[in-house]
PDB file of N, CA and C in Angstrom:
ATOM      1  N   MET A   1     -80.326-154.931   5.514  1.00  0.00           N
ATOM      2  CA  MET A   1     -80.442-154.829   6.766  1.00  0.00           C
ATOM      3  C   MET A   1     -79.755-153.190   6.896  1.00  0.00           C
ATOM      4  N   SER A   2     -80.905-152.533   7.900  1.00  0.00           N
ATOM      5  CA  SER A   2     -80.159-151.096   8.713  1.00  0.00           C
ATOM      6  C   SER A   2     -78.780-151.521   9.546  1.00  0.00           C
ATOM      7  N   PRO A   3     -78.122-150.217   9.086  1.00  0.00           N
ATOM      8  CA  PRO A   3     -76.924-150.571  10.251  1.00  0.00           C
ATOM      9  C   PRO A   3     -77.191-150.486  11.614  1.00  0.00           C
ATOM     10  N   GLY A   4     -77.893-149.605  12.024  1.00  0.00           N
ATOM     11  CA  GLY A   4     -78.230-148.948  13.197  1.00  0.00           C
ATOM     12  C   GLY A   4     -78.904-147.285  13.030  1.00  0.00           C
ATOM     13  N   ILE A   5     -79.161-147.085  14.055  1.00  0.00           N
ATOM     14  CA  ILE A   5     -78.937-145.504  14.158  1.00  0.00           C
ATOM     15  C   ILE A   5     -78.176-144.712  15.638  1.00  0.00           C
ATOM     16  N   VAL A   6     -77.934-143.977  14.687  1.00  0.00           N
ATOM     17  CA  VAL A   6     -77.027-142.427  15.819  1.00  0.00           C
ATOM     18  C   VAL A   6     -77.538-141.254  16.137  1.00  0.00           C
ATOM     19  N   ALA A   7     -77.628-141.039  17.408  1.00  0.00           N
ATOM     20  CA  ALA A   7     -78.892-140.096  17.484  1.00  0.00           C
ATOM     21  C   ALA A   7     -77.420-139.551  18.130  1.00  0.00           C
ATOM     22  N   VAL A   8     -77.803-137.604  18.175  1.00  0.00           N
ATOM     23  CA  VAL A   8     -76.819-136.600  19.160  1.00  0.00           C
ATOM     24  C   VAL A   8     -77.509-135.693  19.082  1.00  0.00           C
ATOM     25  N   HIS A   9     -76.767-134.769  20.138  1.00  0.00           N
ATOM     26  CA  HIS A   9     -77.263-133.195  20.672  1.00  0.00           C
ATOM     27  C   HIS A   9     -76.010-132.721  20.511  1.00  0.00           C
ATOM     28  N   CYS A  10     -75.923-131.346  20.579  1.00  0.00           N
ATOM     29  CA  CYS A  10     -75.227-130.547  20.680  1.00  0.00           C
ATOM     30  C   CYS A  10     -74.495-129.959  21.530  1.00  0.00           C
ATOM     31  N   GLY A  11     -75.229-130.237  22.715  1.00  0.00           N
ATOM     32  CA  GLY A  11     -74.800-129.953  24.131  1.00  0.00           C
ATOM     33  C   GLY A  11     -75.512-129.058  25.022  1.00  0.00           C
ATOM     34  N   ALA A  12     -75.615-129.095  26.222  1.00  0.00           N
ATOM     35  CA  ALA A  12     -76.761-128.222  27.489  1.00  0.00           C
ATOM     36  C   ALA A  12     -76.344-127.543  26.639  1.00  0.00           C
ATOM     37  N   GLY A  13     -77.917-126.753  27.653  1.00  0.00           N
ATOM     38  CA  GLY A  13     -77.685-125.261  27.752  1.00  0.00           C
ATOM     39  C   GLY A  13     -78.071-124.162  26.465  1.00  0.00           C
ATOM     40  N   PHE A  14     -78.005-123.439  26.395  1.00  0.00           N
ATOM     41  CA  PHE A  14     -78.344-122.643  25.352  1.00  0.00           C
ATOM     42  C   PHE A  14     -78.005-122.086  23.913  1.00  0.00           C
ATOM     43  N   HIS A  15     -78.617-122.372  22.610  1.00  0.00           N
ATOM     44  CA  HIS A  15     -77.785-122.489  21.438  1.00  0.00           C
ATOM     45  C   HIS A  15     -78.431-121.101  21.264  1.00  0.00           C
ATOM     46  N   ASN A  16     -77.460-120.456  20.473  1.00  0.00           N
ATOM     47  CA  ASN A  16     -78.291-119.300  19.715  1.00  0.00           C
ATOM     48  C   ASN A  16     -79.391-119.970  18.321  1.00  0.00           C
ATOM     49  N   ALA A  17     -80.132-119.176  18.287  1.00  0.00           N
ATOM     50  CA  ALA A  17     -81.579-119.748  17.106  1.00  0.00           C
ATOM     51  C   ALA A  17     -80.605-119.249  16.077  1.00  0.00           C
ATOM     52  N   LYS A  18     -79.536-117.834  16.132  1.00  0.00           N
ATOM     53  CA  LYS A  18     -78.654-118.087  14.340  1.00  0.00           C
ATOM     54  C   LYS A  18     -77.758-119.285  13.970  1.00  0.00           C
ATOM     55  N   TYR A  19     -77.860-119.553  14.892  1.00  0.00           N
ATOM     56  CA  TYR A  19     -77.119-120.996  14.450  1.00  0.00           C
ATOM     57  C   TYR A  19     -77.604-122.583  14.236  1.00  0.00           C
ATOM     58  N   TYR A  20     -79.100-122.040  14.806  1.00  0.00           N
ATOM     59  CA  TYR A  20     -78.874-123.576  13.854  1.00  0.00           C
ATOM     60  C   TYR A  20     -79.111-124.882  12.924  1.00  0.00           C
ATOM     61  N   LYS A  21     -79.210-124.176  11.613  1.00  0.00           N
ATOM     62  CA  LYS A  21     -78.782-124.579  10.596  1.00  0.00           C
ATOM     63  C   LYS A  21     -77.901-125.252  10.816  1.00  0.00           C
ATOM     64  N   GLU A  22     -76.607-124.578  11.309  1.00  0.00           N
ATOM     65  CA  GLU A  22     -74.955-124.823  11.529  1.00  0.00           C
ATOM     66  C   GLU A  22     -75.317-126.012  11.941  1.00  0.00           C
ATOM     67  N   TYR A  23     -75.854-126.160  13.402  1.00  0.00           N
ATOM     68  CA  TYR A  23     -76.288-127.166  13.911  1.00  0.00           C
ATOM     69  C   TYR A  23     -76.931-128.535  13.870  1.00  0.00           C
ATOM     70  N   ASN A  24     -77.552-128.248  12.980  1.00  0.00           N
ATOM     71  CA  ASN A  24     -78.193-129.211  12.629  1.00  0.00           C
ATOM     72  C   ASN A  24     -77.026-130.127  10.764  1.00  0.00           C
ATOM     73  N   LYS A  25     -76.744-129.298  10.811  1.00  0.00           N
ATOM     74  CA  LYS A  25     -75.683-129.642   9.667  1.00  0.00           C
ATOM     75  C   LYS A  25     -74.908-130.587  10.596  1.00  0.00           C
ATOM     76  N   LEU A  26     -74.018-130.081  11.315  1.00  0.00           N
ATOM     77  CA  LEU A  26     -73.504-130.333  12.913  1.00  0.00           C
ATOM     78  C   LEU A  26     -73.985-132.075  12.802  1.00  0.00           C
ATOM     79  N   SER A  27     -75.543-131.872  13.468  1.00  0.00           N
ATOM     80  CA  SER A  27     -75.759-133.249  14.446  1.00  0.00           C
ATOM     81  C   SER A  27     -75.549-134.285  12.837  1.00  0.00           C
ATOM     82  N   LYS A  28     -76.539-133.662  12.182  1.00  0.00           N
ATOM     83  CA  LYS A  28     -76.317-134.717  10.564  1.00  0.00           C
ATOM     84  C   LYS A  28     -74.610-135.842  10.091  1.00  0.00           C
ATOM     85  N   GLN A  29     -73.786-134.932  10.529  1.00  0.00           N
ATOM     86  CA  GLN A  29     -72.285-135.269   9.936  1.00  0.00           C
ATOM     87  C   GLN A  29     -72.182-136.025  11.149  1.00  0.00           C
ATOM     88  N   ALA A  30     -71.958-135.756  12.205  1.00  0.00           N
ATOM     89  CA  ALA A  30     -72.146-136.366  13.022  1.00  0.00           C
ATOM     90  C   ALA A  30     -72.670-137.963  13.692  1.00  0.00           C
ATOM     91  N   SER A  31     -74.101-137.943  13.169  1.00  0.00           N
ATOM     92  CA  SER A  31     -74.736-138.788  13.148  1.00  0.00           C
ATOM     93  C   SER A  31     -74.031-139.921  11.588  1.00  0.00           C
ATOM     94  N   GLU A  32     -73.776-139.051  10.877  1.00  0.00           N
ATOM     95  CA  GLU A  32     -73.472-140.283   9.138  1.00  0.00           C
ATOM     96  C   GLU A  32     -72.180-140.811   9.608  1.00  0.00           C
ATOM     97  N   LYS A  33     -71.733-139.988  10.539  1.00  0.00           N
ATOM     98  CA  LYS A  33     -69.878-140.292  10.748  1.00  0.00           C
ATOM     99  C   LYS A  33     -69.529-141.725  11.875  1.00  0.00           C
ATOM    100  N   GLY A  34     -71.108-141.754  12.822  1.00  0.00           N
ATOM    101  CA  GLY A  34     -71.154-143.133  13.506  1.00  0.00           C
ATOM    102  C   GLY A  34     -72.079-143.992  12.829  1.00  0.00           C
ATOM    103  N   ILE A  35     -72.982-143.594  11.061  1.00  0.00           N
ATOM    104  CA  ILE A  35     -73.196-144.959  10.392  1.00  0.00           C
ATOM    105  C   ILE A  35     -72.135-145.709  10.142  1.00  0.00           C
ATOM    106  N   GLU A  36     -71.380-145.049   9.385  1.00  0.00           N
ATOM    107  CA  GLU A  36     -70.390-145.205   8.806  1.00  0.00           C
ATOM    108  C   GLU A  36     -69.300-146.244   9.362  1.00  0.00           C
ATOM    109  N   VAL A  37     -69.355-145.862  10.491  1.00  0.00           N
ATOM    110  CA  VAL A  37     -68.426-146.984  11.241  1.00  0.00           C
ATOM    111  C   VAL A  37     -68.954-148.311  11.776  1.00  0.00           C
ATOM    112  N   LEU A  38     -70.802-148.132  11.348  1.00  0.00           N
ATOM    113  CA  LEU A  38     -71.321-149.659  11.788  1.00  0.00           C
ATOM    114  C   LEU A  38     -71.139-150.179  10.331  1.00  0.00           C
ATOM    115  N   LYS A  39     -71.614-149.936   9.089  1.00  0.00           N
ATOM    116  CA  LYS A  39     -71.714-149.939   7.941  1.00  0.00           C
ATOM    117  C   LYS A  39     -70.265-150.823   8.138  1.00  0.00           C
ATOM    118  N   ASN A  40     -69.226-150.094   7.846  1.00  0.00           N
ATOM    119  CA  ASN A  40     -67.593-150.917   7.874  1.00  0.00           C
ATOM    120  C   ASN A  40     -67.114-151.891   8.727  1.00  0.00           C
ATOM    121  N   GLY A  41     -68.252-152.178   9.811  1.00  0.00           N
ATOM    122  CA  GLY A  41     -68.084-153.205  10.893  1.00  0.00           C
ATOM    123  C   GLY A  41     -67.813-152.686  12.743  1.00  0.00           C
ATOM    124  N   GLY A  42     -67.440-151.496  12.336  1.00  0.00           N
ATOM    125  CA  GLY A  42     -67.319-151.695  14.107  1.00  0.00           C
ATOM    126  C   GLY A  42     -68.434-151.536  14.870  1.00  0.00           C
ATOM    127  N   THR A  43     -68.170-151.611  15.391  1.00  0.00           N
ATOM    128  CA  THR A  43     -68.842-151.464  17.410  1.00  0.00           C
ATOM    129  C   THR A  43     -69.508-150.579  17.304  1.00  0.00           C
ATOM    130  N   ALA A  44     -70.661-150.467  18.367  1.00  0.00           N
ATOM    131  CA  ALA A  44     -71.943-149.488  18.964  1.00  0.00           C
ATOM    132  C   ALA A  44     -71.038-148.185  19.176  1.00  0.00           C
ATOM    133  N   LEU A  45     -70.186-148.994  19.483  1.00  0.00           N
ATOM    134  CA  LEU A  45     -69.297-148.162  20.678  1.00  0.00           C
ATOM    135  C   LEU A  45     -67.797-147.433  20.313  1.00  0.00           C
ATOM    136  N   GLU A  46     -67.350-147.674  18.989  1.00  0.00           N
ATOM    137  CA  GLU A  46     -66.574-147.485  18.366  1.00  0.00           C
ATOM    138  C   GLU A  46     -67.039-146.041  17.615  1.00  0.00           C
ATOM    139  N   ALA A  47     -68.792-146.563  17.189  1.00  0.00           N
ATOM    140  CA  ALA A  47     -69.549-145.719  16.256  1.00  0.00           C
ATOM    141  C   ALA A  47     -70.051-144.449  16.931  1.00  0.00           C
ATOM    142  N   VAL A  48     -69.944-144.704  18.821  1.00  0.00           N
ATOM    143  CA  VAL A  48     -70.321-143.476  18.641  1.00  0.00           C
ATOM    144  C   VAL A  48     -68.958-142.077  19.488  1.00  0.00           C
ATOM    145  N   ARG A  49     -68.092-143.798  19.981  1.00  0.00           N
ATOM    146  CA  ARG A  49     -67.131-142.725  19.777  1.00  0.00           C
ATOM    147  C   ARG A  49     -66.225-141.800  18.636  1.00  0.00           C
ATOM    148  N   ASP A  50     -66.943-142.363  17.641  1.00  0.00           N
ATOM    149  CA  ASP A  50     -66.076-141.429  16.345  1.00  0.00           C
ATOM    150  C   ASP A  50     -67.330-140.400  16.389  1.00  0.00           C
ATOM    151  N   ALA A  51     -68.812-140.578  16.726  1.00  0.00           N
ATOM    152  CA  ALA A  51     -69.709-139.050  16.511  1.00  0.00           C
ATOM    153  C   ALA A  51     -69.319-137.802  17.463  1.00  0.00           C
ATOM    154  N   VAL A  52     -68.750-138.359  18.734  1.00  0.00           N
ATOM    155  CA  VAL A  52     -68.618-137.706  19.864  1.00  0.00           C
ATOM    156  C   VAL A  52     -67.517-136.838  19.042  1.00  0.00           C
ATOM    157  N   ILE A  53     -66.467-137.604  18.090  1.00  0.00           N
ATOM    158  CA  ILE A  53     -65.228-136.557  17.987  1.00  0.00           C
ATOM    159  C   ILE A  53     -65.518-135.810  16.699  1.00  0.00           C
ATOM    160  N   VAL A  54     -66.064-135.868  16.513  1.00  0.00           N
ATOM    161  CA  VAL A  54     -67.149-134.899  15.390  1.00  0.00           C
ATOM    162  C   VAL A  54     -67.502-133.482  16.195  1.00  0.00           C
ATOM    163  N   LEU A  55     -68.281-133.742  16.788  1.00  0.00           N
ATOM    164  CA  LEU A  55     -68.870-132.806  17.992  1.00  0.00           C
ATOM    165  C   LEU A  55     -68.262-131.897  18.885  1.00  0.00           C
ATOM    166  N   GLU A  56     -67.325-132.717  19.159  1.00  0.00           N
ATOM    167  CA  GLU A  56     -65.877-131.986  19.947  1.00  0.00           C
ATOM    168  C   GLU A  56     -64.809-131.112  19.143  1.00  0.00           C
ATOM    169  N   ASN A  57     -65.241-131.606  17.742  1.00  0.00           N
ATOM    170  CA  ASN A  57     -64.119-130.798  17.221  1.00  0.00           C
ATOM    171  C   ASN A  57     -64.890-129.647  16.692  1.00  0.00           C
ATOM    172  N   HIS A  58     -66.256-128.864  17.220  1.00  0.00           N
ATOM    173  CA  HIS A  58     -66.241-127.811  16.083  1.00  0.00           C
ATOM    174  C   HIS A  58     -66.183-126.701  17.056  1.00  0.00           C
ATOM    175  N   HIS A  59     -65.989-125.624  17.166  1.00  0.00           N
ATOM    176  CA  HIS A  59     -66.178-124.443  18.323  1.00  0.00           C
ATOM    177  C   HIS A  59     -67.652-124.120  18.377  1.00  0.00           C
ATOM    178  N   ARG A  60     -68.821-124.757  17.400  1.00  0.00           N
ATOM    179  CA  ARG A  60     -69.898-124.359  18.458  1.00  0.00           C
ATOM    180  C   ARG A  60     -70.848-124.751  19.452  1.00  0.00           C
ATOM    181  N   THR A  61     -70.231-125.688  19.268  1.00  0.00           N
ATOM    182  CA  THR A  61     -70.670-126.723  20.653  1.00  0.00           C
ATOM    183  C   THR A  61     -69.800-126.529  21.274  1.00  0.00           C
ATOM    184  N   ASN A  62     -71.178-127.126  22.943  1.00  0.00           N
ATOM    185  CA  ASN A  62     -69.511-126.933  24.453  1.00  0.00           C
ATOM    186  C   ASN A  62     -69.174-127.982  24.934  1.00  0.00           C
ATOM    187  N   CYS A  63     -68.428-128.739  23.807  1.00  0.00           N
ATOM    188  CA  CYS A  63     -67.941-129.873  24.839  1.00  0.00           C
ATOM    189  C   CYS A  63     -66.452-129.763  23.689  1.00  0.00           C
ATOM    190  N   GLY A  64     -65.816-130.392  24.001  1.00  0.00           N
ATOM    191  CA  GLY A  64     -64.393-130.369  23.184  1.00  0.00           C
ATOM    192  C   GLY A  64     -63.683-129.188  23.311  1.00  0.00           C
ATOM    193  N   TYR A  65     -64.026-128.676  22.059  1.00  0.00           N
ATOM    194  CA  TYR A  65     -63.044-127.467  21.382  1.00  0.00           C
ATOM    195  C   TYR A  65     -63.983-126.443  22.003  1.00  0.00           C
ATOM    196  N   GLY A  66     -64.805-126.273  21.536  1.00  0.00           N
ATOM    197  CA  GLY A  66     -66.005-125.573  21.769  1.00  0.00           C
ATOM    198  C   GLY A  66     -66.495-125.193  23.085  1.00  0.00           C
ATOM    199  N   SER A  67     -66.272-125.685  24.109  1.00  0.00           N
ATOM    200  CA  SER A  67     -66.395-125.587  25.611  1.00  0.00           C
ATOM    201  C   SER A  67     -66.466-124.328  26.372  1.00  0.00           C
ATOM    202  N   ASN A  68     -67.283-124.291  27.234  1.00  0.00           N
ATOM    203  CA  ASN A  68     -67.812-123.233  28.148  1.00  0.00           C
ATOM    204  C   ASN A  68     -65.808-123.283  29.262  1.00  0.00           C
ATOM    205  N   LEU A  69     -66.204-122.175  29.859  1.00  0.00           N
ATOM    206  CA  LEU A  69     -65.236-121.539  30.915  1.00  0.00           C
ATOM    207  C   LEU A  69     -65.331-121.435  32.105  1.00  0.00           C
ATOM    208  N   THR A  70     -64.685-122.458  33.120  1.00  0.00           N
ATOM    209  CA  THR A  70     -64.920-121.843  34.393  1.00  0.00           C
ATOM    210  C   THR A  70     -65.144-120.902  34.935  1.00  0.00           C
ATOM    211  N   MET A  71     -65.820-120.723  36.229  1.00  0.00           N
ATOM    212  CA  MET A  71     -65.115-119.781  36.600  1.00  0.00           C
ATOM    213  C   MET A  71     -64.056-118.805  36.577  1.00  0.00           C
ATOM    214  N   GLN A  72     -62.773-119.590  36.748  1.00  0.00           N
ATOM    215  CA  GLN A  72     -61.256-119.114  35.800  1.00  0.00           C
ATOM    216  C   GLN A  72     -61.315-119.172  35.231  1.00  0.00           C
ATOM    217  N   GLY A  73     -61.858-118.514  33.991  1.00  0.00           N
ATOM    218  CA  GLY A  73     -61.322-118.707  32.653  1.00  0.00           C
ATOM    219  C   GLY A  73     -60.843-120.154  31.867  1.00  0.00           C
ATOM    220  N   GLN A  74     -61.497-120.977  32.846  1.00  0.00           N
ATOM    221  CA  GLN A  74     -60.213-122.211  31.784  1.00  0.00           C
ATOM    222  C   GLN A  74     -61.204-123.312  30.793  1.00  0.00           C
ATOM    223  N   VAL A  75     -61.241-124.009  30.277  1.00  0.00           N
ATOM    224  CA  VAL A  75     -61.417-124.860  29.829  1.00  0.00           C
ATOM    225  C   VAL A  75     -61.091-126.494  30.814  1.00  0.00           C
ATOM    226  N   GLU A  76     -62.959-126.858  31.222  1.00  0.00           N
ATOM    227  CA  GLU A  76     -62.255-128.289  32.203  1.00  0.00           C
ATOM    228  C   GLU A  76     -63.439-129.186  31.621  1.00  0.00           C
ATOM    229  N   ASN A  77     -63.099-130.477  31.190  1.00  0.00           N
ATOM    230  CA  ASN A  77     -63.929-131.046  30.261  1.00  0.00           C
ATOM    231  C   ASN A  77     -64.497-132.713  31.125  1.00  0.00           C
ATOM    232  N   ASP A  78     -65.022-133.361  31.248  1.00  0.00           N
ATOM    233  CA  ASP A  78     -65.901-133.740  31.763  1.00  0.00           C
ATOM    234  C   ASP A  78     -66.159-134.969  30.906  1.00  0.00           C
ATOM    235  N   ALA A  79     -66.163-136.233  30.770  1.00  0.00           N
ATOM    236  CA  ALA A  79     -66.663-137.026  29.401  1.00  0.00           C
ATOM    237  C   ALA A  79     -66.813-138.577  29.933  1.00  0.00           C
ATOM    238  N   SER A  80     -68.311-139.667  28.988  1.00  0.00           N
ATOM    239  CA  SER A  80     -68.035-140.736  30.167  1.00  0.00           C
ATOM    240  C   SER A  80     -68.417-141.214  29.325  1.00  0.00           C
ATOM    241  N   ILE A  81     -68.462-142.842  29.099  1.00  0.00           N
ATOM    242  CA  ILE A  81     -68.763-143.269  27.833  1.00  0.00           C
ATOM    243  C   ILE A  81     -69.135-144.750  28.541  1.00  0.00           C
ATOM    244  N   MET A  82     -70.213-145.981  28.429  1.00  0.00           N
ATOM    245  CA  MET A  82     -70.475-146.668  28.786  1.00  0.00           C
ATOM    246  C   MET A  82     -71.402-147.830  27.619  1.00  0.00           C
ATOM    247  N   ASN A  83     -70.407-148.845  28.057  1.00  0.00           N
ATOM    248  CA  ASN A  83     -70.614-150.556  27.198  1.00  0.00           C
ATOM    249  C   ASN A  83     -72.297-150.824  27.698  1.00  0.00           C
ATOM    250  N   GLY A  84     -73.587-151.317  26.783  1.00  0.00           N
ATOM    251  CA  GLY A  84     -74.061-150.999  27.140  1.00  0.00           C
ATOM    252  C   GLY A  84     -74.471-152.798  26.847  1.00  0.00           C
ATOM    253  N   LYS A  85     -74.201-153.369  26.365  1.00  0.00           N
ATOM    254  CA  LYS A  85     -73.812-155.111  26.774  1.00  0.00           C
ATOM    255  C   LYS A  85     -72.958-155.109  28.424  1.00  0.00           C
ATOM    256  N   THR A  86     -71.777-154.651  28.052  1.00  0.00           N
ATOM    257  CA  THR A  86     -71.253-155.715  29.566  1.00  0.00           C
ATOM    258  C   THR A  86     -71.634-153.946  31.271  1.00  0.00           C
ATOM    259  N   CYS A  87     -71.891-153.154  30.535  1.00  0.00           N
ATOM    260  CA  CYS A  87     -72.241-152.022  31.114  1.00  0.00           C
ATOM    261  C   CYS A  87     -71.045-151.957  32.024  1.00  0.00           C
ATOM    262  N   SER A  88     -70.028-151.788  31.264  1.00  0.00           N
ATOM    263  CA  SER A  88     -68.609-151.228  31.354  1.00  0.00           C
ATOM    264  C   SER A  88     -69.004-149.567  31.635  1.00  0.00           C
ATOM    265  N   MET A  89     -67.947-148.999  32.186  1.00  0.00           N
ATOM    266  CA  MET A  89     -67.976-148.079  31.664  1.00  0.00           C
ATOM    267  C   MET A  89     -66.367-147.431  32.062  1.00  0.00           C
ATOM    268  N   GLU A  90     -66.159-145.812  31.336  1.00  0.00           N
ATOM    269  CA  GLU A  90     -65.364-145.383  31.640  1.00  0.00           C
ATOM    270  C   GLU A  90     -65.916-143.443  31.959  1.00  0.00           C
ATOM    271  N   VAL A  91     -64.732-142.849  32.766  1.00  0.00           N
ATOM    272  CA  VAL A  91     -64.824-141.561  32.421  1.00  0.00           C
ATOM    273  C   VAL A  91     -63.525-140.857  33.387  1.00  0.00           C
ATOM    274  N   VAL A  92     -63.711-139.617  32.734  1.00  0.00           N
ATOM    275  CA  VAL A  92     -62.746-138.157  32.902  1.00  0.00           C
ATOM    276  C   VAL A  92     -63.457-137.678  33.477  1.00  0.00           C
ATOM    277  N   GLU A  93     -62.592-136.693  34.187  1.00  0.00           N
ATOM    278  CA  GLU A  93     -62.964-135.198  34.805  1.00  0.00           C
ATOM    279  C   GLU A  93     -62.408-134.820  34.862  1.00  0.00           C
ATOM    280  N   GLN A  94     -62.624-133.129  35.112  1.00  0.00           N
ATOM    281  CA  GLN A  94     -61.795-132.009  35.034  1.00  0.00           C
ATOM    282  C   GLN A  94     -60.818-131.984  34.163  1.00  0.00           C
ATOM    283  N   LEU A  95     -60.611-132.080  32.965  1.00  0.00           N
ATOM    284  CA  LEU A  95     -59.365-132.620  32.102  1.00  0.00           C
ATOM    285  C   LEU A  95     -59.270-131.639  31.114  1.00  0.00           C
ATOM    286  N   LYS A  96     -58.360-131.079  31.221  1.00  0.00           N
ATOM    287  CA  LYS A  96     -57.308-129.629  30.945  1.00  0.00           C
ATOM    288  C   LYS A  96     -56.670-129.326  29.680  1.00  0.00           C
ATOM    289  N   ASP A  97     -57.267-128.659  28.880  1.00  0.00           N
ATOM    290  CA  ASP A  97     -56.030-128.421  26.864  1.00  0.00           C
ATOM    291  C   ASP A  97     -55.887-129.712  26.829  1.00  0.00           C
TER     292      ASP A  97
END
């Protein structure tokens, strides 16, 4: 039986074509991390969390480490995650550093 499917993307906006291979490799790594969590008995929520962490820790994505700057030249992040079974949701906004 398949553990499920994990699909990710590297952020909205412009992505330089010269980095497409790097984006594809990163997307594969993030998806594989999520699948690993599911194969080891983790929940879908844990799989998504761990896949997103892979993306956020990479300098080419526009979230986490590689975030776009505000007009003031600072990094601010917003994030949310939702449990599809319970529809409960957690949101944070304007996180700095």
